[in-house]
Amino acid sequence: MLNTEYKCHVIIGMFGSGKTEIALNSSIYLKEKYENVAIADIDVISPYFRTRDEIDILENMGIKVITPPRKFMHADLPIIPPQVGGYIVNPEFQTIIDAGGNEDGSTVVGSLKNFLDQTKTATYFVVNTKRPFMNNVDDIIYYIERLSAKARRKIDYLISNSNLQNETTEKIILEGEKLLESVSEKTGIPVAFTVVPEYLKELNTKYTKFILKRFLDKVYQL
């Protein structure tokens, strides 16, 4: 689970790691515990699989969704809503930052450094070992370091999210955990939790289990 000792939670990772699904589910998890929860969609990289696509569902739950104005919401434009900074530093809110993938997405996070430095912020790196360049320890560490530098953030936690969407098996999840355990040992970065789909919710995992409800039911997730 997200560490609620922090007020702001930045979620970064490579394309296809599952960042947005985790951000969506985590905002719902936080809403069960806190009155004021916001999720900021700062993905200006991909026009697909973005938090803004689920805005009505989230707002009906009382979650504040920070997106570009509705008339620009689905435009392929690099728009960062100006109110993002305000929610980051607002002590009344638990805020999730859903960033775009790869180095470009992390660079956008870096542009928010002045705000993020003003509040207690945790940065999470999502790993799906079934995606390209994420299937061995050295490659994972390389991209952790690359994206951390672009985001201008130290990575506080790893998230194990090995999956092949609806073809995910227990073996895939457990093998992903084992690989990420090695990454954690080499980097000193702890694993926050392991993501498990609803249909495998009885699986016993090494790390805290986070049961994921899928919102973005498409071929690939970001």
Protein backbone atom coordinates (compact mmCIF):
# COMPACT_ATOMS: atom_id res chain seq x y z
CA MET A 1 0.00 0.00 0.00
CA LEU A 2 1.03 3.62 -0.33
CA ASN A 3 2.81 4.89 2.76
CA THR A 4 0.34 7.34 4.26
CA GLU A 5 3.01 8.94 6.41
CA TYR A 6 3.54 10.92 3.21
CA LYS A 7 1.07 13.49 1.87
CA CYS A 8 2.00 13.24 -1.80
CA HIS A 9 2.65 10.07 -3.79
CA VAL A 10 4.45 10.25 -7.15
CA ILE A 11 4.12 7.18 -9.37
CA ILE A 12 6.62 6.75 -12.19
CA GLY A 13 7.88 3.90 -14.37
CA MET A 14 8.36 2.66 -17.88
CA PHE A 15 5.62 2.40 -20.51
CA GLY A 16 3.43 -0.61 -19.79
CA SER A 17 4.38 -0.83 -16.14
CA GLY A 18 0.81 -0.27 -14.92
CA LYS A 19 1.26 3.15 -13.31
CA THR A 20 -2.18 4.50 -14.13
CA GLU A 21 -4.08 1.43 -12.93
CA ILE A 22 -2.13 1.57 -9.67
CA ALA A 23 -2.76 5.31 -9.32
CA LEU A 24 -6.49 4.86 -9.86
CA ASN A 25 -6.78 2.00 -7.39
CA SER A 26 -4.58 3.78 -4.86
CA SER A 27 -6.76 6.89 -4.96
CA ILE A 28 -9.76 4.72 -4.09
CA TYR A 29 -7.78 3.02 -1.31
CA LEU A 30 -6.85 6.42 0.15
CA LYS A 31 -10.44 7.66 -0.10
CA GLU A 32 -11.48 4.86 2.23
CA LYS A 33 -9.20 6.37 4.87
CA TYR A 34 -9.16 10.11 4.20
CA GLU A 35 -11.81 12.70 3.48
CA ASN A 36 -9.70 14.69 1.02
CA VAL A 37 -7.99 12.79 -1.79
CA ALA A 38 -6.79 14.16 -5.13
CA ILE A 39 -5.24 12.51 -8.15
CA ALA A 40 -3.37 14.61 -10.70
CA ASP A 41 -3.07 13.42 -14.29
CA ILE A 42 0.18 14.86 -15.60
CA ASP A 43 0.63 12.34 -18.41
CA VAL A 44 1.41 14.56 -21.39
CA ILE A 45 3.23 11.75 -23.21
CA SER A 46 0.53 9.29 -24.24
CA PRO A 47 -3.05 10.00 -25.32
CA TYR A 48 -4.10 6.55 -24.09
CA PHE A 49 -4.69 4.96 -20.66
CA ARG A 50 -4.87 8.18 -18.69
CA THR A 51 -6.52 8.95 -15.37
CA ARG A 52 -8.69 11.58 -17.06
CA ASP A 53 -10.54 8.77 -18.88
CA GLU A 54 -12.06 7.68 -15.55
CA ILE A 55 -12.82 11.14 -14.20
CA ASP A 56 -16.56 10.59 -13.75
CA ILE A 57 -16.11 7.36 -11.78
CA LEU A 58 -13.56 8.93 -9.46
CA GLU A 59 -15.42 12.18 -8.92
CA ASN A 60 -18.58 10.25 -8.07
CA MET A 61 -16.53 8.68 -5.26
CA GLY A 62 -15.59 12.13 -3.99
CA ILE A 63 -12.03 12.02 -5.33
CA LYS A 64 -10.74 15.27 -6.82
CA VAL A 65 -9.35 14.61 -10.30
CA ILE A 66 -6.94 17.27 -11.56
CA THR A 67 -6.87 17.33 -15.35
CA PRO A 68 -6.66 19.90 -18.13
CA PRO A 69 -9.93 21.77 -18.82
CA ARG A 70 -12.55 19.45 -20.31
CA LYS A 71 -12.34 21.06 -23.75
CA PHE A 72 -8.63 20.12 -23.85
CA MET A 73 -8.89 16.89 -21.88
CA HIS A 74 -8.44 14.54 -24.83
CA ALA A 75 -6.22 16.77 -26.89
CA ASP A 76 -2.71 15.48 -27.47
CA LEU A 77 -1.22 18.61 -25.91
CA PRO A 78 1.42 19.00 -23.16
CA ILE A 79 -0.88 20.69 -20.65
CA ILE A 80 -0.09 20.62 -16.93
CA PRO A 81 -3.06 22.00 -14.96
CA PRO A 82 -1.83 24.95 -12.87
CA GLN A 83 -3.73 23.74 -9.79
CA VAL A 84 -1.53 20.63 -9.51
CA GLY A 85 1.01 22.54 -7.43
CA GLY A 86 -1.68 23.79 -5.09
CA TYR A 87 -2.93 20.31 -4.30
CA ILE A 88 0.61 19.00 -3.81
CA VAL A 89 1.29 21.52 -1.05
CA ASN A 90 -2.24 21.47 0.45
CA PRO A 91 -1.85 19.80 3.88
CA GLU A 92 -5.51 18.78 3.87
CA PHE A 93 -5.11 16.42 0.90
CA GLN A 94 -3.54 13.08 0.18
CA THR A 95 -2.46 13.60 -3.43
CA ILE A 96 -1.37 11.09 -6.09
CA ILE A 97 0.66 12.17 -9.11
CA ASP A 98 0.09 9.92 -12.14
CA ALA A 99 2.99 10.61 -14.51
CA GLY A 100 3.64 9.57 -18.07
CA GLY A 101 5.98 6.72 -18.94
CA ASN A 102 9.70 6.56 -19.57
CA GLU A 103 12.12 9.48 -19.27
CA ASP A 104 9.81 12.07 -20.86
CA GLY A 105 7.11 11.40 -18.29
CA SER A 106 9.59 11.62 -15.44
CA THR A 107 10.90 14.93 -16.80
CA VAL A 108 7.43 16.40 -16.27
CA VAL A 109 7.62 15.29 -12.63
CA GLY A 110 10.94 17.10 -12.40
CA SER A 111 9.23 20.32 -13.43
CA LEU A 112 7.17 20.11 -10.22
CA LYS A 113 10.22 19.87 -7.95
CA ASN A 114 9.60 23.18 -6.17
CA PHE A 115 6.14 22.03 -5.08
CA LEU A 116 7.15 18.45 -4.25
CA ASP A 117 10.01 19.68 -2.07
CA GLN A 118 7.54 21.67 0.03
CA THR A 119 5.60 18.66 1.23
CA LYS A 120 6.31 15.15 2.46
CA THR A 121 6.53 13.27 -0.82
CA ALA A 122 7.18 9.61 -1.62
CA THR A 123 8.19 8.49 -5.11
CA TYR A 124 7.30 4.98 -6.28
CA PHE A 125 8.85 3.14 -9.23
CA VAL A 126 6.52 0.55 -10.79
CA VAL A 127 8.11 -2.55 -12.32
CA ASN A 128 6.41 -4.96 -14.69
CA THR A 129 9.02 -7.61 -15.47
CA LYS A 130 7.01 -8.74 -18.50
CA ARG A 131 7.69 -5.51 -20.35
CA PRO A 132 10.76 -4.81 -22.53
CA PHE A 133 14.00 -3.94 -20.71
CA MET A 134 12.51 -4.89 -17.35
CA ASN A 135 13.36 -8.59 -17.18
CA ASN A 136 16.71 -8.57 -15.42
CA VAL A 137 18.21 -6.88 -12.39
CA ASP A 138 20.77 -4.72 -14.19
CA ASP A 139 18.26 -3.28 -16.66
CA ILE A 140 15.76 -2.48 -13.93
CA ILE A 141 18.38 -0.68 -11.88
CA TYR A 142 19.55 1.22 -14.95
CA TYR A 143 16.06 2.59 -15.60
CA ILE A 144 15.43 3.32 -11.95
CA GLU A 145 18.51 5.54 -12.01
CA ARG A 146 17.61 7.14 -15.35
CA LEU A 147 14.03 7.99 -14.43
CA SER A 148 15.01 9.09 -10.94
CA ALA A 149 17.45 11.59 -12.43
CA LYS A 150 14.87 12.93 -14.89
CA ALA A 151 12.23 13.23 -12.16
CA ARG A 152 14.73 14.89 -9.84
CA ARG A 153 13.42 12.58 -7.13
CA LYS A 154 14.97 9.83 -5.05
CA ILE A 155 13.03 6.60 -5.48
CA ASP A 156 11.58 5.73 -2.08
CA TYR A 157 9.71 2.54 -2.93
CA LEU A 158 9.43 -0.13 -5.60
CA ILE A 159 6.10 -1.63 -6.68
CA SER A 160 6.00 -5.18 -8.04
CA ASN A 161 3.43 -5.28 -10.84
CA SER A 162 4.50 -8.16 -13.09
CA ASN A 163 1.57 -9.00 -15.32
CA LEU A 164 0.28 -9.89 -18.76
CA GLN A 165 -3.11 -8.31 -18.12
CA ASN A 166 -5.84 -10.97 -18.20
CA GLU A 167 -3.26 -13.68 -18.89
CA THR A 168 -1.43 -13.03 -15.63
CA THR A 169 -0.67 -16.17 -13.64
CA GLU A 170 0.53 -16.86 -10.11
CA LYS A 171 3.90 -17.83 -11.55
CA ILE A 172 4.31 -14.48 -13.30
CA ILE A 173 3.57 -12.57 -10.11
CA LEU A 174 5.85 -14.65 -7.88
CA GLU A 175 8.73 -14.66 -10.36
CA GLY A 176 8.38 -10.88 -10.66
CA GLU A 177 8.51 -10.54 -6.89
CA LYS A 178 11.68 -12.61 -6.72
CA LEU A 179 13.39 -10.50 -9.36
CA LEU A 180 12.37 -7.28 -7.64
CA GLU A 181 13.60 -8.64 -4.33
CA SER A 182 17.07 -8.86 -5.90
CA VAL A 183 16.74 -5.28 -7.17
CA SER A 184 15.73 -4.15 -3.70
CA GLU A 185 18.72 -5.89 -2.12
CA LYS A 186 21.15 -4.26 -4.55
CA THR A 187 19.68 -0.76 -4.38
CA GLY A 188 18.46 -0.60 -0.80
CA ILE A 189 15.03 0.56 -2.04
CA PRO A 190 12.21 -1.30 -0.25
CA VAL A 191 9.31 -2.95 -2.07
CA ALA A 192 6.06 -1.24 -1.03
CA PHE A 193 3.69 -3.93 -2.27
CA THR A 194 2.89 -6.54 -4.88
CA VAL A 195 -0.05 -5.98 -7.22
CA VAL A 196 -2.43 -8.93 -7.65
CA PRO A 197 -5.51 -9.00 -9.93
CA GLU A 198 -8.88 -9.70 -8.37
CA TYR A 199 -9.10 -13.19 -9.82
CA LEU A 200 -5.85 -14.20 -8.05
CA LYS A 201 -6.65 -12.48 -4.76
CA GLU A 202 -6.04 -15.65 -2.71
CA LEU A 203 -2.39 -15.79 -3.80
CA ASN A 204 0.16 -15.59 -0.99
CA THR A 205 2.84 -13.02 -1.82
CA LYS A 206 6.13 -12.15 -0.13
CA TYR A 207 5.29 -8.48 0.07
CA THR A 208 2.08 -6.76 1.10
CA LYS A 209 -0.63 -7.69 -1.40
CA PHE A 210 -2.54 -4.96 -3.22
CA ILE A 211 -5.60 -6.31 -5.03
CA LEU A 212 -6.15 -4.43 -8.27
CA LYS A 213 -9.46 -3.71 -9.93
CA ARG A 214 -8.89 -3.14 -13.62
CA PHE A 215 -10.28 0.08 -15.07
CA LEU A 216 -8.28 0.38 -18.27
CA ASP A 217 -9.29 -2.85 -19.99
CA LYS A 218 -7.10 -2.47 -23.06
CA VAL A 219 -4.34 -4.49 -24.64
CA TYR A 220 -1.55 -2.62 -22.87
CA GLN A 221 -1.59 -0.55 -19.70
CA LEU A 222 0.53 2.46 -18.88
